[in-house]
Amino acid sequence: MFNQSGLRRFLRWGHIAEGIYLGVYVYSGLHLNPTWTNVTRFLVFPLIGLSGAWMWQQGRVARWMRSLPPITKYRTTTHAEL
């Protein structure tokens, strides 16, 4: 599991790599190939949006996740509780 700074570093480098891919995609002619167009449309663009939004709101999301109650691994219920 990543700590906050490790997660941010991972997201930053992933975001940079995705941007480099977009530059190569546009300027190398990969946009003429339908397979690469679909990869870009359905994988790369959503990843760029998610990683950018996560880096932008990382502090808020981390505070929200810390405020959630801890998850218990196993919860036993009886029919009487239902």
C-alpha atoms as a PDB file:
ATOM      1  CA  MET A   1       0.000   0.000   0.000  1.00  0.00           C
ATOM      2  CA  PHE A   2       1.183   3.520  -0.764  1.00  0.00           C
ATOM      3  CA  ASN A   3       1.476   6.281   1.744  1.00  0.00           C
ATOM      4  CA  GLN A   4       0.191   9.708   0.635  1.00  0.00           C
ATOM      5  CA  SER A   5       3.470  10.951  -0.848  1.00  0.00           C
ATOM      6  CA  GLY A   6       4.121   7.654  -2.633  1.00  0.00           C
ATOM      7  CA  LEU A   7       0.625   7.646  -4.076  1.00  0.00           C
ATOM      8  CA  ARG A   8       1.024  11.223  -5.291  1.00  0.00           C
ATOM      9  CA  ARG A   9       4.393  10.411  -6.886  1.00  0.00           C
ATOM     10  CA  PHE A  10       2.884   7.347  -8.596  1.00  0.00           C
ATOM     11  CA  LEU A  11      -0.080   9.353  -9.896  1.00  0.00           C
ATOM     12  CA  ARG A  12       2.148  12.213 -11.066  1.00  0.00           C
ATOM     13  CA  TRP A  13       4.417   9.934 -13.083  1.00  0.00           C
ATOM     14  CA  GLY A  14       1.437   8.035 -14.475  1.00  0.00           C
ATOM     15  CA  HIS A  15      -0.148  11.326 -15.500  1.00  0.00           C
ATOM     16  CA  ILE A  16       3.101  12.411 -17.189  1.00  0.00           C
ATOM     17  CA  ALA A  17       3.393   9.052 -18.994  1.00  0.00           C
ATOM     18  CA  GLU A  18      -0.194   9.353 -20.218  1.00  0.00           C
ATOM     19  CA  GLY A  19       0.544  12.856 -21.508  1.00  0.00           C
ATOM     20  CA  ILE A  20       3.618  11.577 -23.343  1.00  0.00           C
ATOM     21  CA  TYR A  21       1.507   8.822 -24.864  1.00  0.00           C
ATOM     22  CA  LEU A  22      -0.999  11.417 -26.104  1.00  0.00           C
ATOM     23  CA  GLY A  23       1.796  13.415 -27.710  1.00  0.00           C
ATOM     24  CA  VAL A  24       3.124  10.317 -29.454  1.00  0.00           C
ATOM     25  CA  TYR A  25      -0.400   9.325 -30.465  1.00  0.00           C
ATOM     26  CA  VAL A  26      -1.130  12.660 -32.102  1.00  0.00           C
ATOM     27  CA  TYR A  27       2.209  13.407 -33.743  1.00  0.00           C
ATOM     28  CA  SER A  28       3.274   9.917 -34.873  1.00  0.00           C
ATOM     29  CA  GLY A  29       0.220   8.985 -36.870  1.00  0.00           C
ATOM     30  CA  LEU A  30      -1.104   6.386 -34.430  1.00  0.00           C
ATOM     31  CA  HIS A  31      -4.440   8.202 -34.631  1.00  0.00           C
ATOM     32  CA  LEU A  32      -4.916   6.634 -38.062  1.00  0.00           C
ATOM     33  CA  ASN A  33      -5.045   3.118 -36.545  1.00  0.00           C
ATOM     34  CA  PRO A  34      -8.512   2.240 -35.149  1.00  0.00           C
ATOM     35  CA  THR A  35      -7.047  -0.001 -32.424  1.00  0.00           C
ATOM     36  CA  TRP A  36      -4.896   2.788 -30.981  1.00  0.00           C
ATOM     37  CA  THR A  37      -7.802   5.189 -31.309  1.00  0.00           C
ATOM     38  CA  ASN A  38      -9.968   2.906 -29.159  1.00  0.00           C
ATOM     39  CA  VAL A  39      -7.175   2.414 -26.612  1.00  0.00           C
ATOM     40  CA  THR A  40      -6.793   6.164 -26.356  1.00  0.00           C
ATOM     41  CA  ARG A  41     -10.504   6.857 -26.222  1.00  0.00           C
ATOM     42  CA  PHE A  42     -11.526   4.201 -23.709  1.00  0.00           C
ATOM     43  CA  LEU A  43      -8.385   3.750 -21.579  1.00  0.00           C
ATOM     44  CA  VAL A  44      -5.995   6.683 -21.714  1.00  0.00           C
ATOM     45  CA  PHE A  45      -8.457   9.594 -21.547  1.00  0.00           C
ATOM     46  CA  PRO A  46     -10.350   8.164 -18.553  1.00  0.00           C
ATOM     47  CA  LEU A  47      -7.038   7.429 -16.783  1.00  0.00           C
ATOM     48  CA  ILE A  48      -5.853  10.977 -17.361  1.00  0.00           C
ATOM     49  CA  GLY A  49      -9.105  12.352 -15.997  1.00  0.00           C
ATOM     50  CA  LEU A  50      -9.095  10.092 -12.940  1.00  0.00           C
ATOM     51  CA  SER A  51      -5.435  10.643 -12.080  1.00  0.00           C
ATOM     52  CA  GLY A  52      -5.767  14.411 -12.543  1.00  0.00           C
ATOM     53  CA  ALA A  53      -8.901  14.593 -10.412  1.00  0.00           C
ATOM     54  CA  TRP A  54      -7.338  12.388  -7.743  1.00  0.00           C
ATOM     55  CA  MET A  55      -4.204  14.547  -7.543  1.00  0.00           C
ATOM     56  CA  TRP A  56      -6.349  17.687  -7.478  1.00  0.00           C
ATOM     57  CA  GLN A  57      -8.604  16.420  -4.681  1.00  0.00           C
ATOM     58  CA  GLN A  58      -6.205  14.050  -2.902  1.00  0.00           C
ATOM     59  CA  GLY A  59      -6.288  15.926   0.399  1.00  0.00           C
ATOM     60  CA  ARG A  60     -10.065  16.066   0.498  1.00  0.00           C
ATOM     61  CA  VAL A  61     -10.426  12.380  -0.414  1.00  0.00           C
ATOM     62  CA  ALA A  62      -7.841  11.361   2.197  1.00  0.00           C
ATOM     63  CA  ARG A  63      -9.658  13.330   4.917  1.00  0.00           C
ATOM     64  CA  TRP A  64     -12.966  11.769   3.879  1.00  0.00           C
ATOM     65  CA  MET A  65     -11.496   8.254   3.942  1.00  0.00           C
ATOM     66  CA  ARG A  66     -10.003   8.844   7.407  1.00  0.00           C
ATOM     67  CA  SER A  67     -13.407   9.937   8.692  1.00  0.00           C
ATOM     68  CA  LEU A  68     -15.087   6.669   7.632  1.00  0.00           C
ATOM     69  CA  PRO A  69     -15.573   4.034  10.298  1.00  0.00           C
ATOM     70  CA  PRO A  70     -13.115   1.130  10.155  1.00  0.00           C
ATOM     71  CA  ILE A  71     -14.187  -1.824   8.077  1.00  0.00           C
ATOM     72  CA  THR A  72     -14.525  -5.033  10.005  1.00  0.00           C
ATOM     73  CA  LYS A  73     -13.226  -7.998   8.093  1.00  0.00           C
ATOM     74  CA  TYR A  74     -15.885 -10.459   9.165  1.00  0.00           C
ATOM     75  CA  ARG A  75     -19.281  -9.602  10.469  1.00  0.00           C
ATOM     76  CA  THR A  76     -21.509 -12.281  11.799  1.00  0.00           C
ATOM     77  CA  THR A  77     -25.221 -11.737  11.849  1.00  0.00           C
ATOM     78  CA  THR A  78     -27.929 -13.932  13.161  1.00  0.00           C
ATOM     79  CA  HIS A  79     -31.446 -14.158  11.948  1.00  0.00           C
ATOM     80  CA  ALA A  80     -32.577 -12.410  15.087  1.00  0.00           C
ATOM     81  CA  GLU A  81     -30.610  -9.292  14.109  1.00  0.00           C
ATOM     82  CA  LEU A  82     -32.218  -9.166  10.696  1.00  0.00           C
END
